[in-house]
C-alpha atoms as a PDB file:
ATOM      1  CA  MET A   1     162.731 149.863  57.867  1.00  0.00           C
ATOM      2  CA  GLU A   2     164.819 146.930  56.702  1.00  0.00           C
ATOM      3  CA  THR A   3     163.606 145.580  53.340  1.00  0.00           C
ATOM      4  CA  ARG A   4     163.195 141.983  54.534  1.00  0.00           C
ATOM      5  CA  LYS A   5     161.109 143.101  57.522  1.00  0.00           C
ATOM      6  CA  LYS A   6     159.036 145.379  55.281  1.00  0.00           C
ATOM      7  CA  ILE A   7     158.354 142.559  52.797  1.00  0.00           C
ATOM      8  CA  GLY A   8     157.329 140.254  55.652  1.00  0.00           C
ATOM      9  CA  ARG A   9     154.884 142.806  57.008  1.00  0.00           C
ATOM     10  CA  TYR A  10     153.376 143.478  53.578  1.00  0.00           C
ATOM     11  CA  THR A  11     153.071 139.740  52.941  1.00  0.00           C
ATOM     12  CA  ARG A  12     151.063 139.291  56.151  1.00  0.00           C
ATOM     13  CA  VAL A  13     148.915 142.330  55.301  1.00  0.00           C
ATOM     14  CA  TYR A  14     148.300 141.024  51.770  1.00  0.00           C
ATOM     15  CA  HIS A  15     147.116 137.633  53.034  1.00  0.00           C
ATOM     16  CA  GLN A  16     144.882 139.280  55.635  1.00  0.00           C
ATOM     17  CA  LEU A  17     143.322 141.512  52.973  1.00  0.00           C
ATOM     18  CA  GLN A  18     142.970 138.602  50.566  1.00  0.00           C
ATOM     19  CA  ASP A  19     140.886 136.773  53.197  1.00  0.00           C
ATOM     20  CA  LEU A  20     138.882 139.870  54.162  1.00  0.00           C
ATOM     21  CA  LEU A  21     138.095 140.882  50.588  1.00  0.00           C
ATOM     22  CA  TYR A  22     137.230 137.418  49.290  1.00  0.00           C
ATOM     23  CA  ASN A  23     133.732 137.802  47.866  1.00  0.00           C
ATOM     24  CA  ALA A  24     133.301 141.203  49.540  1.00  0.00           C
ATOM     25  CA  PRO A  25     129.913 142.451  48.383  1.00  0.00           C
ATOM     26  CA  ASP A  26     130.671 146.142  47.989  1.00  0.00           C
ATOM     27  CA  PHE A  27     133.366 148.218  46.276  1.00  0.00           C
ATOM     28  CA  ASP A  28     133.375 150.913  48.982  1.00  0.00           C
ATOM     29  CA  ALA A  29     133.658 148.254  51.695  1.00  0.00           C
ATOM     30  CA  LYS A  30     136.780 146.931  49.948  1.00  0.00           C
ATOM     31  CA  LEU A  31     138.315 150.413  49.894  1.00  0.00           C
ATOM     32  CA  ALA A  32     137.529 151.025  53.557  1.00  0.00           C
ATOM     33  CA  THR A  33     138.966 147.655  54.561  1.00  0.00           C
ATOM     34  CA  ILE A  34     142.197 148.218  52.631  1.00  0.00           C
ATOM     35  CA  VAL A  35     142.661 151.672  54.148  1.00  0.00           C
ATOM     36  CA  ALA A  36     141.964 150.470  57.700  1.00  0.00           C
ATOM     37  CA  VAL A  37     144.312 147.495  57.510  1.00  0.00           C
ATOM     38  CA  LEU A  38     147.152 149.418  55.863  1.00  0.00           C
ATOM     39  CA  HIS A  39     146.821 152.394  58.172  1.00  0.00           C
ATOM     40  CA  HIS A  40     146.919 150.314  61.330  1.00  0.00           C
ATOM     41  CA  LYS A  41     149.407 147.619  60.276  1.00  0.00           C
ATOM     42  CA  ILE A  42     152.146 149.698  58.616  1.00  0.00           C
ATOM     43  CA  ASP A  43     153.620 151.863  61.352  1.00  0.00           C
ATOM     44  CA  TYR A  44     155.046 154.635  59.171  1.00  0.00           C
ATOM     45  CA  PHE A  45     151.703 155.324  57.430  1.00  0.00           C
ATOM     46  CA  PHE A  46     150.491 158.684  58.772  1.00  0.00           C
ATOM     47  CA  TRP A  47     147.611 159.298  56.339  1.00  0.00           C
ATOM     48  CA  THR A  48     146.116 156.564  54.157  1.00  0.00           C
ATOM     49  CA  GLY A  49     143.276 157.027  51.708  1.00  0.00           C
ATOM     50  CA  PHE A  50     141.760 157.039  48.273  1.00  0.00           C
ATOM     51  CA  TYR A  51     141.054 159.960  45.970  1.00  0.00           C
ATOM     52  CA  PHE A  52     138.703 159.289  43.060  1.00  0.00           C
ATOM     53  CA  LEU A  53     138.194 160.987  39.733  1.00  0.00           C
ATOM     54  CA  LYS A  54     134.700 162.428  39.419  1.00  0.00           C
ATOM     55  CA  ASP A  55     133.747 164.824  36.655  1.00  0.00           C
ATOM     56  CA  GLY A  56     137.415 165.635  36.040  1.00  0.00           C
ATOM     57  CA  GLU A  57     138.143 166.347  39.716  1.00  0.00           C
ATOM     58  CA  LEU A  58     140.057 164.356  42.344  1.00  0.00           C
ATOM     59  CA  ILE A  59     137.839 164.014  45.400  1.00  0.00           C
ATOM     60  CA  VAL A  60     138.645 162.267  48.671  1.00  0.00           C
ATOM     61  CA  LYS A  61     136.747 159.077  49.372  1.00  0.00           C
ATOM     62  CA  THR A  62     137.755 156.671  52.129  1.00  0.00           C
ATOM     63  CA  TYR A  63     140.670 157.593  54.405  1.00  0.00           C
ATOM     64  CA  GLN A  64     142.201 157.318  57.861  1.00  0.00           C
ATOM     65  CA  GLY A  65     144.410 159.889  59.512  1.00  0.00           C
ATOM     66  CA  SER A  66     144.098 163.609  59.960  1.00  0.00           C
ATOM     67  CA  LEU A  67     141.506 165.680  58.111  1.00  0.00           C
ATOM     68  CA  ALA A  68     141.923 165.442  54.340  1.00  0.00           C
ATOM     69  CA  CYS A  69     141.728 167.956  51.545  1.00  0.00           C
ATOM     70  CA  GLN A  70     138.340 167.165  50.068  1.00  0.00           C
ATOM     71  CA  LEU A  71     139.126 168.363  46.545  1.00  0.00           C
ATOM     72  CA  LEU A  72     142.622 168.485  45.054  1.00  0.00           C
ATOM     73  CA  GLU A  73     143.510 171.367  42.769  1.00  0.00           C
ATOM     74  CA  LYS A  74     143.515 170.123  39.176  1.00  0.00           C
ATOM     75  CA  ASN A  75     146.875 168.952  37.792  1.00  0.00           C
ATOM     76  CA  LYS A  76     148.731 169.953  40.959  1.00  0.00           C
ATOM     77  CA  GLY A  77     150.373 167.766  43.590  1.00  0.00           C
ATOM     78  CA  VAL A  78     151.457 164.156  43.897  1.00  0.00           C
ATOM     79  CA  CYS A  79     148.015 162.583  43.411  1.00  0.00           C
ATOM     80  CA  TRP A  80     147.475 164.358  40.096  1.00  0.00           C
ATOM     81  CA  ALA A  81     151.026 163.402  39.057  1.00  0.00           C
ATOM     82  CA  GLY A  82     150.094 159.754  39.614  1.00  0.00           C
ATOM     83  CA  VAL A  83     146.932 160.154  37.541  1.00  0.00           C
ATOM     84  CA  ASN A  84     148.553 162.167  34.759  1.00  0.00           C
ATOM     85  CA  GLN A  85     151.650 159.963  34.485  1.00  0.00           C
ATOM     86  CA  GLY A  86     149.690 156.740  34.989  1.00  0.00           C
ATOM     87  CA  LYS A  87     152.236 155.320  37.393  1.00  0.00           C
ATOM     88  CA  THR A  88     153.219 155.114  41.039  1.00  0.00           C
ATOM     89  CA  ILE A  89     154.932 158.242  42.336  1.00  0.00           C
ATOM     90  CA  ILE A  90     157.309 158.177  45.303  1.00  0.00           C
ATOM     91  CA  VAL A  91     158.216 161.492  46.912  1.00  0.00           C
ATOM     92  CA  PRO A  92     161.059 161.226  49.468  1.00  0.00           C
ATOM     93  CA  ASP A  93     160.540 164.834  50.663  1.00  0.00           C
ATOM     94  CA  VAL A  94     157.197 166.455  49.879  1.00  0.00           C
ATOM     95  CA  HIS A  95     158.624 169.926  50.510  1.00  0.00           C
ATOM     96  CA  LYS A  96     160.832 169.475  47.436  1.00  0.00           C
ATOM     97  CA  PHE A  97     157.978 168.334  45.164  1.00  0.00           C
ATOM     98  CA  PRO A  98     156.833 171.167  42.850  1.00  0.00           C
ATOM     99  CA  GLY A  99     153.189 171.997  43.504  1.00  0.00           C
ATOM    100  CA  HIS A 100     152.845 169.725  46.533  1.00  0.00           C
ATOM    101  CA  ILE A 101     149.451 170.133  48.213  1.00  0.00           C
ATOM    102  CA  ALA A 102     149.924 170.218  51.979  1.00  0.00           C
ATOM    103  CA  CYS A 103     146.705 168.933  53.540  1.00  0.00           C
ATOM    104  CA  ASP A 104     148.641 168.339  56.772  1.00  0.00           C
ATOM    105  CA  SER A 105     151.954 170.089  57.398  1.00  0.00           C
ATOM    106  CA  ARG A 106     153.266 167.064  59.338  1.00  0.00           C
ATOM    107  CA  SER A 107     153.478 165.017  56.129  1.00  0.00           C
ATOM    108  CA  ARG A 108     157.107 164.581  55.042  1.00  0.00           C
ATOM    109  CA  SER A 109     157.083 161.862  52.347  1.00  0.00           C
ATOM    110  CA  GLU A 110     154.402 160.332  50.144  1.00  0.00           C
ATOM    111  CA  ILE A 111     153.545 157.532  47.750  1.00  0.00           C
ATOM    112  CA  VAL A 112     150.652 157.569  45.282  1.00  0.00           C
ATOM    113  CA  ILE A 113     149.505 154.460  43.407  1.00  0.00           C
ATOM    114  CA  PRO A 114     146.984 154.733  40.559  1.00  0.00           C
ATOM    115  CA  LEU A 115     143.846 152.618  40.971  1.00  0.00           C
ATOM    116  CA  ARG A 116     142.495 151.145  37.753  1.00  0.00           C
ATOM    117  CA  ASP A 117     139.120 149.661  36.929  1.00  0.00           C
ATOM    118  CA  LYS A 118     138.730 146.215  35.347  1.00  0.00           C
ATOM    119  CA  ASN A 119     139.362 147.766  31.923  1.00  0.00           C
ATOM    120  CA  GLY A 120     142.649 149.350  32.993  1.00  0.00           C
ATOM    121  CA  ARG A 121     141.318 152.912  33.145  1.00  0.00           C
ATOM    122  CA  ILE A 122     142.576 155.033  36.054  1.00  0.00           C
ATOM    123  CA  ILE A 123     139.665 155.836  38.367  1.00  0.00           C
ATOM    124  CA  GLY A 124     141.575 157.171  41.357  1.00  0.00           C
ATOM    125  CA  VAL A 125     144.664 156.804  43.521  1.00  0.00           C
ATOM    126  CA  LEU A 126     145.750 155.331  46.814  1.00  0.00           C
ATOM    127  CA  ASP A 127     147.594 158.110  48.627  1.00  0.00           C
ATOM    128  CA  VAL A 128     149.815 157.383  51.625  1.00  0.00           C
ATOM    129  CA  ASP A 129     151.733 159.990  53.630  1.00  0.00           C
ATOM    130  CA  SER A 130     154.392 159.525  56.280  1.00  0.00           C
ATOM    131  CA  LYS A 131     155.668 161.865  58.987  1.00  0.00           C
ATOM    132  CA  TYR A 132     159.193 160.727  58.119  1.00  0.00           C
ATOM    133  CA  LEU A 133     161.412 161.562  55.159  1.00  0.00           C
ATOM    134  CA  ASN A 134     162.253 158.792  52.667  1.00  0.00           C
ATOM    135  CA  SER A 135     159.655 156.352  54.012  1.00  0.00           C
ATOM    136  CA  PHE A 136     158.725 154.773  50.684  1.00  0.00           C
ATOM    137  CA  ASP A 137     160.693 152.689  48.201  1.00  0.00           C
ATOM    138  CA  GLU A 138     160.263 150.065  45.483  1.00  0.00           C
ATOM    139  CA  THR A 139     159.154 147.514  48.098  1.00  0.00           C
ATOM    140  CA  ASP A 140     156.196 149.742  48.985  1.00  0.00           C
ATOM    141  CA  THR A 141     155.484 150.257  45.297  1.00  0.00           C
ATOM    142  CA  GLY A 142     155.350 146.569  44.412  1.00  0.00           C
ATOM    143  CA  CYS A 143     153.435 145.528  47.498  1.00  0.00           C
ATOM    144  CA  LEU A 144     150.849 148.315  47.353  1.00  0.00           C
ATOM    145  CA  GLU A 145     150.293 147.794  43.616  1.00  0.00           C
ATOM    146  CA  LYS A 146     149.678 144.091  44.336  1.00  0.00           C
ATOM    147  CA  ILE A 147     147.239 144.946  47.150  1.00  0.00           C
ATOM    148  CA  LEU A 148     145.249 147.248  44.852  1.00  0.00           C
ATOM    149  CA  LEU A 149     144.793 144.359  42.409  1.00  0.00           C
ATOM    150  CA  LEU A 150     142.664 142.673  45.087  1.00  0.00           C
ATOM    151  CA  ILE A 151     139.953 145.294  44.557  1.00  0.00           C
ATOM    152  CA  ASN A 152     139.021 144.024  41.106  1.00  0.00           C
ATOM    153  CA  SER A 153     140.009 140.384  41.525  1.00  0.00           C
ATOM    154  CA  GLN A 154     136.733 139.081  42.958  1.00  0.00           C
END
């Protein structure tokens, strides 16, 4: 997708989420709303969801798309890389990522963005898969990181 078109779409999505999440009463409702809007407004998103750290494990929470892996093997895969490195991870071809966890074999590329609490501690990740190679870039990174800031802004 052309960068300008992608930025325009993310800008519209951001403003929609900003309105929807304004004074949202519940953390889980915010997560569900973000996942639903992203999944249905960004056409190359095949699987969209959150994994959360709980007792040292990464466990699926809210998601849309095909059936998810409920528990991700510790320190393996893209989601754990995002947690362990504390930064967004873009994988142009998941089949070339060492230790990739294939919850759905149709996934071809992936982006994982760490989710932090109000104190800056990583509590989980937003995980997005695409059926196409090379779907994600720095535009996705910046826009998705900005969207995640909405969770703790109210």
